[in-house]
Amino acid sequence: MTEFDKNSKENEQPNKKDDGFIKGISKEANDFIHNTVDTSGKIIKSITGEGGLVGKTVDSSGSIVKKVSEKGSDVIGKTVDNSSKTFKSIKEKTFNRKNK
């Protein structure tokens, strides 16, 4: 099994509830950023060496980028959830009134 196959299997979540279009795209973008940061970090470290200033800088900057990406994904998820709850509440109040 190749490394790509392993990563693909790890990212699958068969029993997970469908998050919807926006949250799904946000999570995919977050995963893409994480994978890109990890891969570029490995490439740079393979050229410059694991230790030293360059390796530590790559690790630190990669951590910052990943955390910003995660925060953005969380904000998008919360915004979608809140919007959905608000819409459902308005819909229930508007369309589910009992006729007198």
PDB file of N, CA and C in Angstrom:
ATOM      1  N   MET A   1       0.857  -1.183   0.000  1.00  0.00           N
ATOM      2  CA  MET A   1       0.000   0.000   0.000  1.00  0.00           C
ATOM      3  C   MET A   1       0.893   1.233   0.000  1.00  0.00           C
ATOM      4  N   THR A   2       0.587   2.176  -0.871  1.00  0.00           N
ATOM      5  CA  THR A   2       1.397   3.389  -0.975  1.00  0.00           C
ATOM      6  C   THR A   2       1.036   4.358   0.143  1.00  0.00           C
ATOM      7  N   GLU A   3       1.880   5.378   0.310  1.00  0.00           N
ATOM      8  CA  GLU A   3       1.623   6.408   1.328  1.00  0.00           C
ATOM      9  C   GLU A   3       0.323   7.150   1.010  1.00  0.00           C
ATOM     10  N   PHE A   4       0.068   7.382  -0.292  1.00  0.00           N
ATOM     11  CA  PHE A   4      -1.162   8.065  -0.702  1.00  0.00           C
ATOM     12  C   PHE A   4      -2.388   7.247  -0.299  1.00  0.00           C
ATOM     13  N   ASP A   5      -2.334   5.928  -0.520  1.00  0.00           N
ATOM     14  CA  ASP A   5      -3.458   5.062  -0.155  1.00  0.00           C
ATOM     15  C   ASP A   5      -3.703   5.077   1.344  1.00  0.00           C
ATOM     16  N   LYS A   6      -2.617   5.096   2.125  1.00  0.00           N
ATOM     17  CA  LYS A   6      -2.757   5.136   3.577  1.00  0.00           C
ATOM     18  C   LYS A   6      -3.431   6.423   4.015  1.00  0.00           C
ATOM     19  N   ASN A   7      -2.971   7.561   3.463  1.00  0.00           N
ATOM     20  CA  ASN A   7      -3.560   8.846   3.823  1.00  0.00           C
ATOM     21  C   ASN A   7      -5.009   8.932   3.396  1.00  0.00           C
ATOM     22  N   SER A   8      -5.331   8.375   2.233  1.00  0.00           N
ATOM     23  CA  SER A   8      -6.714   8.406   1.751  1.00  0.00           C
ATOM     24  C   SER A   8      -7.608   7.606   2.682  1.00  0.00           C
ATOM     25  N   LYS A   9      -7.138   6.469   3.135  1.00  0.00           N
ATOM     26  CA  LYS A   9      -7.928   5.624   4.041  1.00  0.00           C
ATOM     27  C   LYS A   9      -8.119   6.298   5.391  1.00  0.00           C
ATOM     28  N   GLU A  10      -7.072   6.996   5.879  1.00  0.00           N
ATOM     29  CA  GLU A  10      -7.155   7.653   7.176  1.00  0.00           C
ATOM     30  C   GLU A  10      -8.135   8.809   7.155  1.00  0.00           C
ATOM     31  N   ASN A  11      -8.244   9.505   6.020  1.00  0.00           N
ATOM     32  CA  ASN A  11      -9.116  10.670   5.927  1.00  0.00           C
ATOM     33  C   ASN A  11     -10.585  10.308   5.727  1.00  0.00           C
ATOM     34  N   GLU A  12     -10.875   9.054   5.369  1.00  0.00           N
ATOM     35  CA  GLU A  12     -12.255   8.641   5.188  1.00  0.00           C
ATOM     36  C   GLU A  12     -12.913   8.470   6.546  1.00  0.00           C
ATOM     37  N   GLN A  13     -14.144   8.929   6.655  1.00  0.00           N
ATOM     38  CA  GLN A  13     -14.897   8.789   7.890  1.00  0.00           C
ATOM     39  C   GLN A  13     -16.282   8.264   7.537  1.00  0.00           C
ATOM     40  N   PRO A  14     -16.414   6.937   7.381  1.00  0.00           N
ATOM     41  CA  PRO A  14     -17.648   6.376   6.852  1.00  0.00           C
ATOM     42  C   PRO A  14     -18.871   6.595   7.736  1.00  0.00           C
ATOM     43  N   ASN A  15     -18.721   6.651   9.032  1.00  0.00           N
ATOM     44  CA  ASN A  15     -19.863   6.799   9.927  1.00  0.00           C
ATOM     45  C   ASN A  15     -20.138   8.242  10.315  1.00  0.00           C
ATOM     46  N   LYS A  16     -19.386   9.160   9.769  1.00  0.00           N
ATOM     47  CA  LYS A  16     -19.540  10.569  10.117  1.00  0.00           C
ATOM     48  C   LYS A  16     -20.715  11.167   9.366  1.00  0.00           C
ATOM     49  N   LYS A  17     -21.476  12.008  10.054  1.00  0.00           N
ATOM     50  CA  LYS A  17     -22.617  12.689   9.460  1.00  0.00           C
ATOM     51  C   LYS A  17     -22.143  13.640   8.362  1.00  0.00           C
ATOM     52  N   ASP A  18     -22.920  13.730   7.285  1.00  0.00           N
ATOM     53  CA  ASP A  18     -22.603  14.648   6.194  1.00  0.00           C
ATOM     54  C   ASP A  18     -22.704  16.067   6.720  1.00  0.00           C
ATOM     55  N   ASP A  19     -21.630  16.844   6.563  1.00  0.00           N
ATOM     56  CA  ASP A  19     -21.572  18.193   7.118  1.00  0.00           C
ATOM     57  C   ASP A  19     -22.179  19.236   6.203  1.00  0.00           C
ATOM     58  N   GLY A  20     -22.510  18.875   5.003  1.00  0.00           N
ATOM     59  CA  GLY A  20     -23.029  19.855   4.075  1.00  0.00           C
ATOM     60  C   GLY A  20     -21.924  20.409   3.199  1.00  0.00           C
ATOM     61  N   PHE A  21     -22.339  21.164   2.211  1.00  0.00           N
ATOM     62  CA  PHE A  21     -21.419  21.642   1.187  1.00  0.00           C
ATOM     63  C   PHE A  21     -20.354  22.590   1.732  1.00  0.00           C
ATOM     64  N   ILE A  22     -20.774  23.642   2.405  1.00  0.00           N
ATOM     65  CA  ILE A  22     -19.825  24.680   2.862  1.00  0.00           C
ATOM     66  C   ILE A  22     -18.849  24.117   3.892  1.00  0.00           C
ATOM     67  N   LYS A  23     -19.365  23.412   4.894  1.00  0.00           N
ATOM     68  CA  LYS A  23     -18.481  22.857   5.919  1.00  0.00           C
ATOM     69  C   LYS A  23     -17.566  21.794   5.326  1.00  0.00           C
ATOM     70  N   GLY A  24     -18.070  21.020   4.380  1.00  0.00           N
ATOM     71  CA  GLY A  24     -17.250  19.997   3.722  1.00  0.00           C
ATOM     72  C   GLY A  24     -16.099  20.614   2.949  1.00  0.00           C
ATOM     73  N   ILE A  25     -16.394  21.678   2.207  1.00  0.00           N
ATOM     74  CA  ILE A  25     -15.343  22.363   1.439  1.00  0.00           C
ATOM     75  C   ILE A  25     -14.324  22.977   2.386  1.00  0.00           C
ATOM     76  N   SER A  26     -14.797  23.566   3.476  1.00  0.00           N
ATOM     77  CA  SER A  26     -13.901  24.171   4.449  1.00  0.00           C
ATOM     78  C   SER A  26     -12.951  23.126   5.038  1.00  0.00           C
ATOM     79  N   LYS A  27     -13.490  21.958   5.362  1.00  0.00           N
ATOM     80  CA  LYS A  27     -12.649  20.890   5.921  1.00  0.00           C
ATOM     81  C   LYS A  27     -11.655  20.374   4.889  1.00  0.00           C
ATOM     82  N   GLU A  28     -12.108  20.249   3.634  1.00  0.00           N
ATOM     83  CA  GLU A  28     -11.196  19.807   2.578  1.00  0.00           C
ATOM     84  C   GLU A  28     -10.074  20.818   2.376  1.00  0.00           C
ATOM     85  N   ALA A  29     -10.412  22.100   2.387  1.00  0.00           N
ATOM     86  CA  ALA A  29      -9.386  23.139   2.231  1.00  0.00           C
ATOM     87  C   ALA A  29      -8.407  23.099   3.395  1.00  0.00           C
ATOM     88  N   ASN A  30      -8.919  22.893   4.597  1.00  0.00           N
ATOM     89  CA  ASN A  30      -8.064  22.793   5.779  1.00  0.00           C
ATOM     90  C   ASN A  30      -7.113  21.606   5.648  1.00  0.00           C
ATOM     91  N   ASP A  31      -7.640  20.458   5.219  1.00  0.00           N
ATOM     92  CA  ASP A  31      -6.792  19.277   5.022  1.00  0.00           C
ATOM     93  C   ASP A  31      -5.743  19.528   3.947  1.00  0.00           C
ATOM     94  N   PHE A  32      -6.142  20.204   2.877  1.00  0.00           N
ATOM     95  CA  PHE A  32      -5.215  20.525   1.797  1.00  0.00           C
ATOM     96  C   PHE A  32      -4.066  21.394   2.305  1.00  0.00           C
ATOM     97  N   ILE A  33      -4.399  22.395   3.086  1.00  0.00           N
ATOM     98  CA  ILE A  33      -3.367  23.288   3.637  1.00  0.00           C
ATOM     99  C   ILE A  33      -2.426  22.515   4.551  1.00  0.00           C
ATOM    100  N   HIS A  34      -2.986  21.663   5.407  1.00  0.00           N
ATOM    101  CA  HIS A  34      -2.151  20.866   6.312  1.00  0.00           C
ATOM    102  C   HIS A  34      -1.194  19.975   5.520  1.00  0.00           C
ATOM    103  N   ASN A  35      -1.737  19.294   4.508  1.00  0.00           N
ATOM    104  CA  ASN A  35      -0.895  18.405   3.703  1.00  0.00           C
ATOM    105  C   ASN A  35       0.177  19.183   2.943  1.00  0.00           C
ATOM    106  N   THR A  36      -0.175  20.350   2.429  1.00  0.00           N
ATOM    107  CA  THR A  36       0.785  21.170   1.699  1.00  0.00           C
ATOM    108  C   THR A  36       1.902  21.646   2.621  1.00  0.00           C
ATOM    109  N   VAL A  37       1.541  22.106   3.818  1.00  0.00           N
ATOM    110  CA  VAL A  37       2.540  22.565   4.784  1.00  0.00           C
ATOM    111  C   VAL A  37       3.456  21.408   5.183  1.00  0.00           C
ATOM    112  N   ASP A  38       2.873  20.247   5.443  1.00  0.00           N
ATOM    113  CA  ASP A  38       3.687  19.088   5.829  1.00  0.00           C
ATOM    114  C   ASP A  38       4.640  18.676   4.714  1.00  0.00           C
ATOM    115  N   THR A  39       4.119  18.610   3.499  1.00  0.00           N
ATOM    116  CA  THR A  39       4.951  18.191   2.366  1.00  0.00           C
ATOM    117  C   THR A  39       6.065  19.186   2.085  1.00  0.00           C
ATOM    118  N   SER A  40       5.710  20.468   2.078  1.00  0.00           N
ATOM    119  CA  SER A  40       6.757  21.468   1.811  1.00  0.00           C
ATOM    120  C   SER A  40       7.796  21.468   2.928  1.00  0.00           C
ATOM    121  N   GLY A  41       7.353  21.256   4.151  1.00  0.00           N
ATOM    122  CA  GLY A  41       8.297  21.174   5.270  1.00  0.00           C
ATOM    123  C   GLY A  41       9.249  20.004   5.119  1.00  0.00           C
ATOM    124  N   LYS A  42       8.722  18.859   4.689  1.00  0.00           N
ATOM    125  CA  LYS A  42       9.579  17.675   4.484  1.00  0.00           C
ATOM    126  C   LYS A  42      10.590  17.921   3.370  1.00  0.00           C
ATOM    127  N   ILE A  43      10.130  18.574   2.304  1.00  0.00           N
ATOM    128  CA  ILE A  43      11.035  18.852   1.181  1.00  0.00           C
ATOM    129  C   ILE A  43      12.151  19.793   1.624  1.00  0.00           C
ATOM    130  N   ILE A  44      11.798  20.863   2.297  1.00  0.00           N
ATOM    131  CA  ILE A  44      12.805  21.834   2.740  1.00  0.00           C
ATOM    132  C   ILE A  44      13.781  21.190   3.716  1.00  0.00           C
ATOM    133  N   LYS A  45      13.257  20.401   4.649  1.00  0.00           N
ATOM    134  CA  LYS A  45      14.136  19.749   5.626  1.00  0.00           C
ATOM    135  C   LYS A  45      15.035  18.702   4.966  1.00  0.00           C
ATOM    136  N   SER A  46      14.531  18.037   3.924  1.00  0.00           N
ATOM    137  CA  SER A  46      15.375  17.044   3.252  1.00  0.00           C
ATOM    138  C   SER A  46      16.541  17.720   2.542  1.00  0.00           C
ATOM    139  N   ILE A  47      16.355  18.965   2.132  1.00  0.00           N
ATOM    140  CA  ILE A  47      17.427  19.702   1.459  1.00  0.00           C
ATOM    141  C   ILE A  47      18.377  20.333   2.481  1.00  0.00           C
ATOM    142  N   THR A  48      17.808  20.961   3.508  1.00  0.00           N
ATOM    143  CA  THR A  48      18.639  21.707   4.463  1.00  0.00           C
ATOM    144  C   THR A  48      19.051  20.895   5.679  1.00  0.00           C
ATOM    145  N   GLY A  49      18.376  19.806   5.941  1.00  0.00           N
ATOM    146  CA  GLY A  49      18.653  18.995   7.123  1.00  0.00           C
ATOM    147  C   GLY A  49      17.577  19.200   8.170  1.00  0.00           C
ATOM    148  N   GLU A  50      17.388  18.209   9.012  1.00  0.00           N
ATOM    149  CA  GLU A  50      16.320  18.234  10.019  1.00  0.00           C
ATOM    150  C   GLU A  50      16.537  19.296  11.086  1.00  0.00           C
ATOM    151  N   GLY A  51      17.726  19.377  11.592  1.00  0.00           N
ATOM    152  CA  GLY A  51      18.003  20.313  12.678  1.00  0.00           C
ATOM    153  C   GLY A  51      18.390  21.676  12.150  1.00  0.00           C
ATOM    154  N   GLY A  52      18.697  22.531  13.044  1.00  0.00           N
ATOM    155  CA  GLY A  52      19.179  23.844  12.649  1.00  0.00           C
ATOM    156  C   GLY A  52      18.074  24.880  12.544  1.00  0.00           C
ATOM    157  N   LEU A  53      18.493  26.056  12.246  1.00  0.00           N
ATOM    158  CA  LEU A  53      17.601  27.204  12.226  1.00  0.00           C
ATOM    159  C   LEU A  53      16.522  27.080  11.142  1.00  0.00           C
ATOM    160  N   VAL A  54      16.911  26.634   9.966  1.00  0.00           N
ATOM    161  CA  VAL A  54      15.939  26.530   8.870  1.00  0.00           C
ATOM    162  C   VAL A  54      14.859  25.510   9.210  1.00  0.00           C
ATOM    163  N   GLY A  55      15.240  24.362   9.730  1.00  0.00           N
ATOM    164  CA  GLY A  55      14.264  23.331  10.103  1.00  0.00           C
ATOM    165  C   GLY A  55      13.301  23.806  11.179  1.00  0.00           C
ATOM    166  N   LYS A  56      13.839  24.501  12.174  1.00  0.00           N
ATOM    167  CA  LYS A  56      12.987  25.021  13.247  1.00  0.00           C
ATOM    168  C   LYS A  56      12.056  26.119  12.742  1.00  0.00           C
ATOM    169  N   THR A  57      12.564  26.948  11.842  1.00  0.00           N
ATOM    170  CA  THR A  57      11.734  28.008  11.260  1.00  0.00           C
ATOM    171  C   THR A  57      10.603  27.412  10.437  1.00  0.00           C
ATOM    172  N   VAL A  58      10.914  26.388   9.665  1.00  0.00           N
ATOM    173  CA  VAL A  58       9.893  25.712   8.863  1.00  0.00           C
ATOM    174  C   VAL A  58       8.825  25.111   9.775  1.00  0.00           C
ATOM    175  N   ASP A  59       9.238  24.469  10.857  1.00  0.00           N
ATOM    176  CA  ASP A  59       8.277  23.886  11.798  1.00  0.00           C
ATOM    177  C   ASP A  59       7.387  24.954  12.426  1.00  0.00           C
ATOM    178  N   SER A  60       7.992  26.036  12.866  1.00  0.00           N
ATOM    179  CA  SER A  60       7.231  27.104  13.518  1.00  0.00           C
ATOM    180  C   SER A  60       6.257  27.770  12.560  1.00  0.00           C
ATOM    181  N   SER A  61       6.732  28.105  11.380  1.00  0.00           N
ATOM    182  CA  SER A  61       5.837  28.764  10.424  1.00  0.00           C
ATOM    183  C   SER A  61       4.750  27.815   9.959  1.00  0.00           C
ATOM    184  N   GLY A  62       5.067  26.552   9.825  1.00  0.00           N
ATOM    185  CA  GLY A  62       4.057  25.557   9.451  1.00  0.00           C
ATOM    186  C   GLY A  62       2.987  25.432  10.515  1.00  0.00           C
ATOM    187  N   SER A  63       3.385  25.450  11.773  1.00  0.00           N
ATOM    188  CA  SER A  63       2.410  25.380  12.867  1.00  0.00           C
ATOM    189  C   SER A  63       1.480  26.587  12.862  1.00  0.00           C
ATOM    190  N   ILE A  64       2.038  27.755  12.587  1.00  0.00           N
ATOM    191  CA  ILE A  64       1.224  28.976  12.545  1.00  0.00           C
ATOM    192  C   ILE A  64       0.198  28.887  11.417  1.00  0.00           C
ATOM    193  N   VAL A  65       0.646  28.485  10.237  1.00  0.00           N
ATOM    194  CA  VAL A  65      -0.263  28.381   9.092  1.00  0.00           C
ATOM    195  C   VAL A  65      -1.368  27.368   9.373  1.00  0.00           C
ATOM    196  N   LYS A  66      -1.002  26.239   9.968  1.00  0.00           N
ATOM    197  CA  LYS A  66      -2.004  25.215  10.279  1.00  0.00           C
ATOM    198  C   LYS A  66      -3.033  25.725  11.288  1.00  0.00           C
ATOM    199  N   LYS A  67      -2.576  26.423  12.321  1.00  0.00           N
ATOM    200  CA  LYS A  67      -3.501  26.935  13.333  1.00  0.00           C
ATOM    201  C   LYS A  67      -4.442  27.981  12.759  1.00  0.00           C
ATOM    202  N   VAL A  68      -3.930  28.840  11.887  1.00  0.00           N
ATOM    203  CA  VAL A  68      -4.792  29.838  11.239  1.00  0.00           C
ATOM    204  C   VAL A  68      -5.835  29.137  10.374  1.00  0.00           C
ATOM    205  N   SER A  69      -5.411  28.117   9.663  1.00  0.00           N
ATOM    206  CA  SER A  69      -6.336  27.368   8.818  1.00  0.00           C
ATOM    207  C   SER A  69      -7.417  26.676   9.647  1.00  0.00           C
ATOM    208  N   GLU A  70      -7.022  26.073  10.752  1.00  0.00           N
ATOM    209  CA  GLU A  70      -7.994  25.409  11.627  1.00  0.00           C
ATOM    210  C   GLU A  70      -8.992  26.410  12.202  1.00  0.00           C
ATOM    211  N   LYS A  71      -8.499  27.570  12.614  1.00  0.00           N
ATOM    212  CA  LYS A  71      -9.371  28.599  13.179  1.00  0.00           C
ATOM    213  C   LYS A  71     -10.380  29.066  12.134  1.00  0.00           C
ATOM    214  N   GLY A  72      -9.903  29.289  10.912  1.00  0.00           N
ATOM    215  CA  GLY A  72     -10.802  29.688   9.834  1.00  0.00           C
ATOM    216  C   GLY A  72     -11.856  28.642   9.558  1.00  0.00           C
ATOM    217  N   SER A  73     -11.463  27.390   9.565  1.00  0.00           N
ATOM    218  CA  SER A  73     -12.408  26.297   9.341  1.00  0.00           C
ATOM    219  C   SER A  73     -13.433  26.229  10.471  1.00  0.00           C
ATOM    220  N   ASP A  74     -12.985  26.426  11.698  1.00  0.00           N
ATOM    221  CA  ASP A  74     -13.905  26.439  12.842  1.00  0.00           C
ATOM    222  C   ASP A  74     -14.907  27.584  12.741  1.00  0.00           C
ATOM    223  N   VAL A  75     -14.426  28.753  12.356  1.00  0.00           N
ATOM    224  CA  VAL A  75     -15.306  29.919  12.224  1.00  0.00           C
ATOM    225  C   VAL A  75     -16.353  29.669  11.146  1.00  0.00           C
ATOM    226  N   ILE A  76     -15.934  29.114  10.031  1.00  0.00           N
ATOM    227  CA  ILE A  76     -16.883  28.804   8.957  1.00  0.00           C
ATOM    228  C   ILE A  76     -17.910  27.796   9.447  1.00  0.00           C
ATOM    229  N   GLY A  77     -17.461  26.762  10.140  1.00  0.00           N
ATOM    230  CA  GLY A  77     -18.390  25.761  10.664  1.00  0.00           C
ATOM    231  C   GLY A  77     -19.402  26.346  11.631  1.00  0.00           C
ATOM    232  N   LYS A  78     -18.945  27.199  12.534  1.00  0.00           N
ATOM    233  CA  LYS A  78     -19.849  27.819  13.500  1.00  0.00           C
ATOM    234  C   LYS A  78     -20.821  28.767  12.814  1.00  0.00           C
ATOM    235  N   THR A  79     -20.339  29.492  11.804  1.00  0.00           N
ATOM    236  CA  THR A  79     -21.205  30.406  11.066  1.00  0.00           C
ATOM    237  C   THR A  79     -22.301  29.636  10.341  1.00  0.00           C
ATOM    238  N   VAL A  80     -21.933  28.533   9.723  1.00  0.00           N
ATOM    239  CA  VAL A  80     -22.919  27.707   9.018  1.00  0.00           C
ATOM    240  C   VAL A  80     -23.934  27.149  10.013  1.00  0.00           C
ATOM    241  N   ASP A  81     -23.456  26.665  11.147  1.00  0.00           N
ATOM    242  CA  ASP A  81     -24.369  26.116  12.157  1.00  0.00           C
ATOM    243  C   ASP A  81     -25.339  27.175  12.669  1.00  0.00           C
ATOM    244  N   ASN A  82     -24.823  28.354  12.999  1.00  0.00           N
ATOM    245  CA  ASN A  82     -25.673  29.431  13.508  1.00  0.00           C
ATOM    246  C   ASN A  82     -26.672  29.897  12.461  1.00  0.00           C
ATOM    247  N   SER A  83     -26.232  30.018  11.226  1.00  0.00           N
ATOM    248  CA  SER A  83     -27.134  30.422  10.152  1.00  0.00           C
ATOM    249  C   SER A  83     -28.238  29.393   9.962  1.00  0.00           C
ATOM    250  N   SER A  84     -27.873  28.145  10.022  1.00  0.00           N
ATOM    251  CA  SER A  84     -28.857  27.073   9.857  1.00  0.00           C
ATOM    252  C   SER A  84     -29.889  27.093  10.983  1.00  0.00           C
ATOM    253  N   LYS A  85     -29.412  27.274  12.212  1.00  0.00           N
ATOM    254  CA  LYS A  85     -30.329  27.335  13.359  1.00  0.00           C
ATOM    255  C   LYS A  85     -31.269  28.533  13.250  1.00  0.00           C
ATOM    256  N   THR A  86     -30.718  29.669  12.844  1.00  0.00           N
ATOM    257  CA  THR A  86     -31.535  30.873  12.696  1.00  0.00           C
ATOM    258  C   THR A  86     -32.591  30.676  11.619  1.00  0.00           C
ATOM    259  N   PHE A  87     -32.177  30.113  10.494  1.00  0.00           N
ATOM    260  CA  PHE A  87     -33.124  29.876   9.402  1.00  0.00           C
ATOM    261  C   PHE A  87     -34.230  28.922   9.841  1.00  0.00           C
ATOM    262  N   LYS A  88     -33.869  27.855  10.527  1.00  0.00           N
ATOM    263  CA  LYS A  88     -34.878  26.892  10.986  1.00  0.00           C
ATOM    264  C   LYS A  88     -35.852  27.544  11.958  1.00  0.00           C
ATOM    265  N   SER A  89     -35.340  28.385  12.837  1.00  0.00           N
ATOM    266  CA  SER A  89     -36.187  29.080  13.803  1.00  0.00           C
ATOM    267  C   SER A  89     -37.165  30.013  13.099  1.00  0.00           C
ATOM    268  N   ILE A  90     -36.662  30.786  12.150  1.00  0.00           N
ATOM    269  CA  ILE A  90     -37.520  31.708  11.405  1.00  0.00           C
ATOM    270  C   ILE A  90     -38.552  30.923  10.600  1.00  0.00           C
ATOM    271  N   LYS A  91     -38.124  29.846   9.993  1.00  0.00           N
ATOM    272  CA  LYS A  91     -39.020  29.019   9.187  1.00  0.00           C
ATOM    273  C   LYS A  91     -40.140  28.443  10.043  1.00  0.00           C
ATOM    274  N   GLU A  92     -39.786  27.944  11.223  1.00  0.00           N
ATOM    275  CA  GLU A  92     -40.800  27.372  12.115  1.00  0.00           C
ATOM    276  C   GLU A  92     -41.790  28.443  12.567  1.00  0.00           C
ATOM    277  N   LYS A  93     -41.300  29.617  12.895  1.00  0.00           N
ATOM    278  CA  LYS A  93     -42.179  30.692  13.354  1.00  0.00           C
ATOM    279  C   LYS A  93     -43.074  31.202  12.230  1.00  0.00           C
ATOM    280  N   THR A  94     -42.562  31.197  11.026  1.00  0.00           N
ATOM    281  CA  THR A  94     -43.306  31.752   9.899  1.00  0.00           C
ATOM    282  C   THR A  94     -44.302  30.755   9.315  1.00  0.00           C
ATOM    283  N   PHE A  95     -43.891  29.537   9.087  1.00  0.00           N
ATOM    284  CA  PHE A  95     -44.703  28.589   8.354  1.00  0.00           C
ATOM    285  C   PHE A  95     -45.470  27.594   9.224  1.00  0.00           C
ATOM    286  N   ASN A  96     -45.149  27.476  10.471  1.00  0.00           N
ATOM    287  CA  ASN A  96     -45.806  26.484  11.312  1.00  0.00           C
ATOM    288  C   ASN A  96     -46.796  27.099  12.289  1.00  0.00           C
ATOM    289  N   ARG A  97     -47.341  28.237  11.933  1.00  0.00           N
ATOM    290  CA  ARG A  97     -48.352  28.868  12.803  1.00  0.00           C
ATOM    291  C   ARG A  97     -49.671  28.125  12.662  1.00  0.00           C
ATOM    292  N   LYS A  98     -50.344  27.996  13.758  1.00  0.00           N
ATOM    293  CA  LYS A  98     -51.655  27.341  13.743  1.00  0.00           C
ATOM    294  C   LYS A  98     -52.690  28.355  13.283  1.00  0.00           C
ATOM    295  N   ASN A  99     -53.591  27.895  12.447  1.00  0.00           N
ATOM    296  CA  ASN A  99     -54.682  28.760  11.977  1.00  0.00           C
ATOM    297  C   ASN A  99     -55.758  28.852  13.051  1.00  0.00           C
ATOM    298  N   LYS A 100     -56.235  30.056  13.319  1.00  0.00           N
ATOM    299  CA  LYS A 100     -57.260  30.235  14.353  1.00  0.00           C
ATOM    300  C   LYS A 100     -58.624  30.284  13.731  1.00  0.00           C
TER     301      LYS A 100
END
